[in-house]
Amino acid sequence: MEKYENRKVGMYISYNSLPILEERLVPVDLVNLANWIREQPYYINLDLKGTKYQIAHAETYMG
């Protein structure tokens, strides 16, 4: 978002994801994807047949 909308929203960590996406998406789609990701929860709690799980992204962002 910093690159395409001049908005810094957090720390940038590259795992080659952005260069790959930039090859395949136009800037407006990259911004839309970034906005969608920001709207998703950091984690979800599940209870499956009495077993509790917490599903989270591999890294948290302390904003």
PDB file of N, CA and C in Angstrom:
ATOM      1  N   MET A   1       0.825  -1.185   0.000  1.00  0.00           N
ATOM      2  CA  MET A   1       0.000   0.000   0.000  1.00  0.00           C
ATOM      3  C   MET A   1       0.869   1.248   0.000  1.00  0.00           C
ATOM      4  N   GLU A   2       2.024   1.154   0.640  1.00  0.00           N
ATOM      5  CA  GLU A   2       2.920   2.313   0.645  1.00  0.00           C
ATOM      6  C   GLU A   2       3.389   2.616  -0.780  1.00  0.00           C
ATOM      7  N   LYS A   3       3.656   1.572  -1.525  1.00  0.00           N
ATOM      8  CA  LYS A   3       4.162   1.752  -2.881  1.00  0.00           C
ATOM      9  C   LYS A   3       3.087   2.285  -3.830  1.00  0.00           C
ATOM     10  N   TYR A   4       1.855   1.841  -3.670  1.00  0.00           N
ATOM     11  CA  TYR A   4       0.818   2.184  -4.631  1.00  0.00           C
ATOM     12  C   TYR A   4      -0.143   3.265  -4.161  1.00  0.00           C
ATOM     13  N   GLU A   5      -0.262   3.469  -2.854  1.00  0.00           N
ATOM     14  CA  GLU A   5      -1.181   4.484  -2.349  1.00  0.00           C
ATOM     15  C   GLU A   5      -0.504   5.468  -1.411  1.00  0.00           C
ATOM     16  N   ASN A   6       0.795   5.355  -1.266  1.00  0.00           N
ATOM     17  CA  ASN A   6       1.552   6.232  -0.372  1.00  0.00           C
ATOM     18  C   ASN A   6       0.996   6.207   1.057  1.00  0.00           C
ATOM     19  N   ARG A   7       0.585   5.007   1.503  1.00  0.00           N
ATOM     20  CA  ARG A   7       0.057   4.806   2.853  1.00  0.00           C
ATOM     21  C   ARG A   7       0.842   3.697   3.529  1.00  0.00           C
ATOM     22  N   LYS A   8       1.497   4.022   4.626  1.00  0.00           N
ATOM     23  CA  LYS A   8       2.227   3.002   5.369  1.00  0.00           C
ATOM     24  C   LYS A   8       1.275   2.385   6.389  1.00  0.00           C
ATOM     25  N   VAL A   9       1.148   1.073   6.358  1.00  0.00           N
ATOM     26  CA  VAL A   9       0.209   0.405   7.253  1.00  0.00           C
ATOM     27  C   VAL A   9       0.881  -0.595   8.179  1.00  0.00           C
ATOM     28  N   GLY A  10       2.165  -0.786   8.050  1.00  0.00           N
ATOM     29  CA  GLY A  10       2.860  -1.736   8.908  1.00  0.00           C
ATOM     30  C   GLY A  10       4.234  -2.039   8.358  1.00  0.00           C
ATOM     31  N   MET A  11       4.901  -2.968   9.012  1.00  0.00           N
ATOM     32  CA  MET A  11       6.237  -3.362   8.614  1.00  0.00           C
ATOM     33  C   MET A  11       6.162  -4.243   7.354  1.00  0.00           C
ATOM     34  N   TYR A  12       7.030  -4.009   6.416  1.00  0.00           N
ATOM     35  CA  TYR A  12       7.065  -4.791   5.183  1.00  0.00           C
ATOM     36  C   TYR A  12       8.084  -5.907   5.333  1.00  0.00           C
ATOM     37  N   ILE A  13       7.628  -7.111   5.155  1.00  0.00           N
ATOM     38  CA  ILE A  13       8.505  -8.280   5.182  1.00  0.00           C
ATOM     39  C   ILE A  13       8.315  -9.005   3.862  1.00  0.00           C
ATOM     40  N   SER A  14       9.373  -9.192   3.123  1.00  0.00           N
ATOM     41  CA  SER A  14       9.266  -9.794   1.796  1.00  0.00           C
ATOM     42  C   SER A  14       9.604 -11.277   1.834  1.00  0.00           C
ATOM     43  N   TYR A  15       8.716 -12.066   1.308  1.00  0.00           N
ATOM     44  CA  TYR A  15       8.960 -13.489   1.096  1.00  0.00           C
ATOM     45  C   TYR A  15       8.787 -13.790  -0.389  1.00  0.00           C
ATOM     46  N   ASN A  16       9.100 -12.822  -1.226  1.00  0.00           N
ATOM     47  CA  ASN A  16       8.920 -12.894  -2.672  1.00  0.00           C
ATOM     48  C   ASN A  16       7.460 -12.836  -3.080  1.00  0.00           C
ATOM     49  N   SER A  17       6.559 -12.640  -2.132  1.00  0.00           N
ATOM     50  CA  SER A  17       5.140 -12.587  -2.469  1.00  0.00           C
ATOM     51  C   SER A  17       4.809 -11.351  -3.296  1.00  0.00           C
ATOM     52  N   LEU A  18       5.276 -10.181  -2.865  1.00  0.00           N
ATOM     53  CA  LEU A  18       4.932  -8.960  -3.583  1.00  0.00           C
ATOM     54  C   LEU A  18       5.469  -8.969  -5.010  1.00  0.00           C
ATOM     55  N   PRO A  19       6.724  -9.321  -5.240  1.00  0.00           N
ATOM     56  CA  PRO A  19       7.186  -9.351  -6.641  1.00  0.00           C
ATOM     57  C   PRO A  19       6.369 -10.303  -7.515  1.00  0.00           C
ATOM     58  N   ILE A  20       5.961 -11.434  -6.960  1.00  0.00           N
ATOM     59  CA  ILE A  20       5.156 -12.387  -7.730  1.00  0.00           C
ATOM     60  C   ILE A  20       3.785 -11.786  -8.030  1.00  0.00           C
ATOM     61  N   LEU A  21       3.158 -11.171  -7.012  1.00  0.00           N
ATOM     62  CA  LEU A  21       1.852 -10.549  -7.231  1.00  0.00           C
ATOM     63  C   LEU A  21       1.947  -9.385  -8.212  1.00  0.00           C
ATOM     64  N   GLU A  22       3.031  -8.611  -8.116  1.00  0.00           N
ATOM     65  CA  GLU A  22       3.190  -7.472  -9.030  1.00  0.00           C
ATOM     66  C   GLU A  22       3.303  -7.916 -10.489  1.00  0.00           C
ATOM     67  N   GLU A  23       3.816  -9.114 -10.706  1.00  0.00           N
ATOM     68  CA  GLU A  23       3.899  -9.641 -12.074  1.00  0.00           C
ATOM     69  C   GLU A  23       2.528 -10.014 -12.611  1.00  0.00           C
ATOM     70  N   ARG A  24       1.602 -10.340 -11.708  1.00  0.00           N
ATOM     71  CA  ARG A  24       0.321 -10.902 -12.124  1.00  0.00           C
ATOM     72  C   ARG A  24      -0.874  -9.965 -11.967  1.00  0.00           C
ATOM     73  N   LEU A  25      -0.747  -8.931 -11.132  1.00  0.00           N
ATOM     74  CA  LEU A  25      -1.877  -8.042 -10.856  1.00  0.00           C
ATOM     75  C   LEU A  25      -1.545  -6.599 -11.213  1.00  0.00           C
ATOM     76  N   VAL A  26      -2.564  -5.861 -11.565  1.00  0.00           N
ATOM     77  CA  VAL A  26      -2.393  -4.418 -11.782  1.00  0.00           C
ATOM     78  C   VAL A  26      -2.454  -3.724 -10.424  1.00  0.00           C
ATOM     79  N   PRO A  27      -1.901  -2.501 -10.312  1.00  0.00           N
ATOM     80  CA  PRO A  27      -1.849  -1.819  -9.015  1.00  0.00           C
ATOM     81  C   PRO A  27      -3.188  -1.716  -8.282  1.00  0.00           C
ATOM     82  N   VAL A  28      -4.278  -1.433  -8.982  1.00  0.00           N
ATOM     83  CA  VAL A  28      -5.563  -1.305  -8.297  1.00  0.00           C
ATOM     84  C   VAL A  28      -5.966  -2.640  -7.653  1.00  0.00           C
ATOM     85  N   ASP A  29      -5.658  -3.746  -8.291  1.00  0.00           N
ATOM     86  CA  ASP A  29      -5.977  -5.047  -7.712  1.00  0.00           C
ATOM     87  C   ASP A  29      -5.083  -5.359  -6.519  1.00  0.00           C
ATOM     88  N   LEU A  30      -3.830  -4.916  -6.564  1.00  0.00           N
ATOM     89  CA  LEU A  30      -2.940  -5.088  -5.409  1.00  0.00           C
ATOM     90  C   LEU A  30      -3.467  -4.314  -4.208  1.00  0.00           C
ATOM     91  N   VAL A  31      -3.934  -3.101  -4.416  1.00  0.00           N
ATOM     92  CA  VAL A  31      -4.488  -2.283  -3.333  1.00  0.00           C
ATOM     93  C   VAL A  31      -5.761  -2.936  -2.793  1.00  0.00           C
ATOM     94  N   ASN A  32      -6.620  -3.404  -3.689  1.00  0.00           N
ATOM     95  CA  ASN A  32      -7.844  -4.072  -3.242  1.00  0.00           C
ATOM     96  C   ASN A  32      -7.529  -5.326  -2.430  1.00  0.00           C
ATOM     97  N   LEU A  33      -6.546  -6.087  -2.853  1.00  0.00           N
ATOM     98  CA  LEU A  33      -6.137  -7.278  -2.110  1.00  0.00           C
ATOM     99  C   LEU A  33      -5.592  -6.897  -0.736  1.00  0.00           C
ATOM    100  N   ALA A  34      -4.752  -5.870  -0.673  1.00  0.00           N
ATOM    101  CA  ALA A  34      -4.191  -5.421   0.598  1.00  0.00           C
ATOM    102  C   ALA A  34      -5.298  -4.958   1.545  1.00  0.00           C
ATOM    103  N   ASN A  35      -6.277  -4.234   1.023  1.00  0.00           N
ATOM    104  CA  ASN A  35      -7.400  -3.798   1.850  1.00  0.00           C
ATOM    105  C   ASN A  35      -8.199  -4.982   2.365  1.00  0.00           C
ATOM    106  N   TRP A  36      -8.433  -5.979   1.525  1.00  0.00           N
ATOM    107  CA  TRP A  36      -9.166  -7.174   1.947  1.00  0.00           C
ATOM    108  C   TRP A  36      -8.408  -7.908   3.055  1.00  0.00           C
ATOM    109  N   ILE A  37      -7.099  -8.054   2.892  1.00  0.00           N
ATOM    110  CA  ILE A  37      -6.287  -8.741   3.905  1.00  0.00           C
ATOM    111  C   ILE A  37      -6.359  -8.002   5.232  1.00  0.00           C
ATOM    112  N   ARG A  38      -6.287  -6.672   5.191  1.00  0.00           N
ATOM    113  CA  ARG A  38      -6.351  -5.875   6.422  1.00  0.00           C
ATOM    114  C   ARG A  38      -7.684  -6.025   7.143  1.00  0.00           C
ATOM    115  N   GLU A  39      -8.748  -6.344   6.419  1.00  0.00           N
ATOM    116  CA  GLU A  39     -10.073  -6.498   7.024  1.00  0.00           C
ATOM    117  C   GLU A  39     -10.277  -7.858   7.679  1.00  0.00           C
ATOM    118  N   GLN A  40      -9.385  -8.814   7.404  1.00  0.00           N
ATOM    119  CA  GLN A  40      -9.549 -10.159   7.945  1.00  0.00           C
ATOM    120  C   GLN A  40      -9.095 -10.210   9.406  1.00  0.00           C
ATOM    121  N   PRO A  41      -9.660 -11.120  10.192  1.00  0.00           N
ATOM    122  CA  PRO A  41      -9.260 -11.226  11.610  1.00  0.00           C
ATOM    123  C   PRO A  41      -7.824 -11.741  11.734  1.00  0.00           C
ATOM    124  N   TYR A  42      -7.193 -11.357  12.844  1.00  0.00           N
ATOM    125  CA  TYR A  42      -5.837 -11.844  13.110  1.00  0.00           C
ATOM    126  C   TYR A  42      -5.839 -13.329  13.446  1.00  0.00           C
ATOM    127  N   TYR A  43      -6.922 -13.785  14.038  1.00  0.00           N
ATOM    128  CA  TYR A  43      -7.043 -15.197  14.384  1.00  0.00           C
ATOM    129  C   TYR A  43      -8.523 -15.541  14.501  1.00  0.00           C
ATOM    130  N   ILE A  44      -8.800 -16.847  14.452  1.00  0.00           N
ATOM    131  CA  ILE A  44     -10.153 -17.334  14.720  1.00  0.00           C
ATOM    132  C   ILE A  44     -10.053 -18.494  15.700  1.00  0.00           C
ATOM    133  N   ASN A  45     -11.063 -18.638  16.530  1.00  0.00           N
ATOM    134  CA  ASN A  45     -11.151 -19.763  17.453  1.00  0.00           C
ATOM    135  C   ASN A  45     -12.175 -20.751  16.914  1.00  0.00           C
ATOM    136  N   LEU A  46     -11.815 -22.025  16.934  1.00  0.00           N
ATOM    137  CA  LEU A  46     -12.698 -23.081  16.466  1.00  0.00           C
ATOM    138  C   LEU A  46     -12.867 -24.117  17.560  1.00  0.00           C
ATOM    139  N   ASP A  47     -14.036 -24.702  17.598  1.00  0.00           N
ATOM    140  CA  ASP A  47     -14.297 -25.836  18.494  1.00  0.00           C
ATOM    141  C   ASP A  47     -14.838 -26.951  17.619  1.00  0.00           C
ATOM    142  N   LEU A  48     -14.031 -27.962  17.383  1.00  0.00           N
ATOM    143  CA  LEU A  48     -14.423 -29.073  16.525  1.00  0.00           C
ATOM    144  C   LEU A  48     -14.542 -30.331  17.350  1.00  0.00           C
ATOM    145  N   LYS A  49     -15.765 -30.749  17.550  1.00  0.00           N
ATOM    146  CA  LYS A  49     -16.051 -31.971  18.318  1.00  0.00           C
ATOM    147  C   LYS A  49     -15.392 -31.932  19.686  1.00  0.00           C
ATOM    148  N   GLY A  50     -15.431 -30.775  20.345  1.00  0.00           N
ATOM    149  CA  GLY A  50     -14.893 -30.637  21.692  1.00  0.00           C
ATOM    150  C   GLY A  50     -13.418 -30.300  21.776  1.00  0.00           C
ATOM    151  N   THR A  51     -12.719 -30.287  20.649  1.00  0.00           N
ATOM    152  CA  THR A  51     -11.311 -29.910  20.634  1.00  0.00           C
ATOM    153  C   THR A  51     -11.225 -28.463  20.179  1.00  0.00           C
ATOM    154  N   LYS A  52     -10.549 -27.657  20.988  1.00  0.00           N
ATOM    155  CA  LYS A  52     -10.452 -26.231  20.675  1.00  0.00           C
ATOM    156  C   LYS A  52      -9.166 -25.937  19.908  1.00  0.00           C
ATOM    157  N   TYR A  53      -9.301 -25.095  18.885  1.00  0.00           N
ATOM    158  CA  TYR A  53      -8.171 -24.682  18.058  1.00  0.00           C
ATOM    159  C   TYR A  53      -8.193 -23.163  17.926  1.00  0.00           C
ATOM    160  N   GLN A  54      -7.019 -22.587  17.809  1.00  0.00           N
ATOM    161  CA  GLN A  54      -6.904 -21.191  17.440  1.00  0.00           C
ATOM    162  C   GLN A  54      -6.061 -21.140  16.178  1.00  0.00           C
ATOM    163  N   ILE A  55      -6.652 -20.612  15.123  1.00  0.00           N
ATOM    164  CA  ILE A  55      -5.987 -20.532  13.826  1.00  0.00           C
ATOM    165  C   ILE A  55      -5.521 -19.094  13.637  1.00  0.00           C
ATOM    166  N   ALA A  56      -4.222 -18.923  13.355  1.00  0.00           N
ATOM    167  CA  ALA A  56      -3.668 -17.591  13.206  1.00  0.00           C
ATOM    168  C   ALA A  56      -2.641 -17.581  12.076  1.00  0.00           C
ATOM    169  N   HIS A  57      -2.384 -16.374  11.594  1.00  0.00           N
ATOM    170  CA  HIS A  57      -1.313 -16.203  10.624  1.00  0.00           C
ATOM    171  C   HIS A  57       0.002 -16.506  11.329  1.00  0.00           C
ATOM    172  N   ALA A  58       1.032 -16.794  10.585  1.00  0.00           N
ATOM    173  CA  ALA A  58       2.322 -17.205  11.154  1.00  0.00           C
ATOM    174  C   ALA A  58       2.992 -16.095  11.972  1.00  0.00           C
ATOM    175  N   GLU A  59       2.597 -14.850  11.737  1.00  0.00           N
ATOM    176  CA  GLU A  59       3.233 -13.757  12.459  1.00  0.00           C
ATOM    177  C   GLU A  59       2.180 -12.726  12.838  1.00  0.00           C
ATOM    178  N   THR A  60       2.333 -12.155  14.010  1.00  0.00           N
ATOM    179  CA  THR A  60       1.398 -11.115  14.404  1.00  0.00           C
ATOM    180  C   THR A  60       2.020  -9.763  14.131  1.00  0.00           C
ATOM    181  N   TYR A  61       1.160  -8.791  13.970  1.00  0.00           N
ATOM    182  CA  TYR A  61       1.611  -7.414  13.748  1.00  0.00           C
ATOM    183  C   TYR A  61       1.187  -6.583  14.928  1.00  0.00           C
ATOM    184  N   MET A  62       2.139  -5.993  15.602  1.00  0.00           N
ATOM    185  CA  MET A  62       1.842  -5.144  16.746  1.00  0.00           C
ATOM    186  C   MET A  62       1.737  -3.712  16.267  1.00  0.00           C
ATOM    187  N   GLY A  63       0.528  -3.266  15.957  1.00  0.00           N
ATOM    188  CA  GLY A  63       0.329  -1.947  15.390  1.00  0.00           C
ATOM    189  C   GLY A  63      -0.031  -0.995  16.436  1.00  0.00           C
TER     190      GLY A  63
END
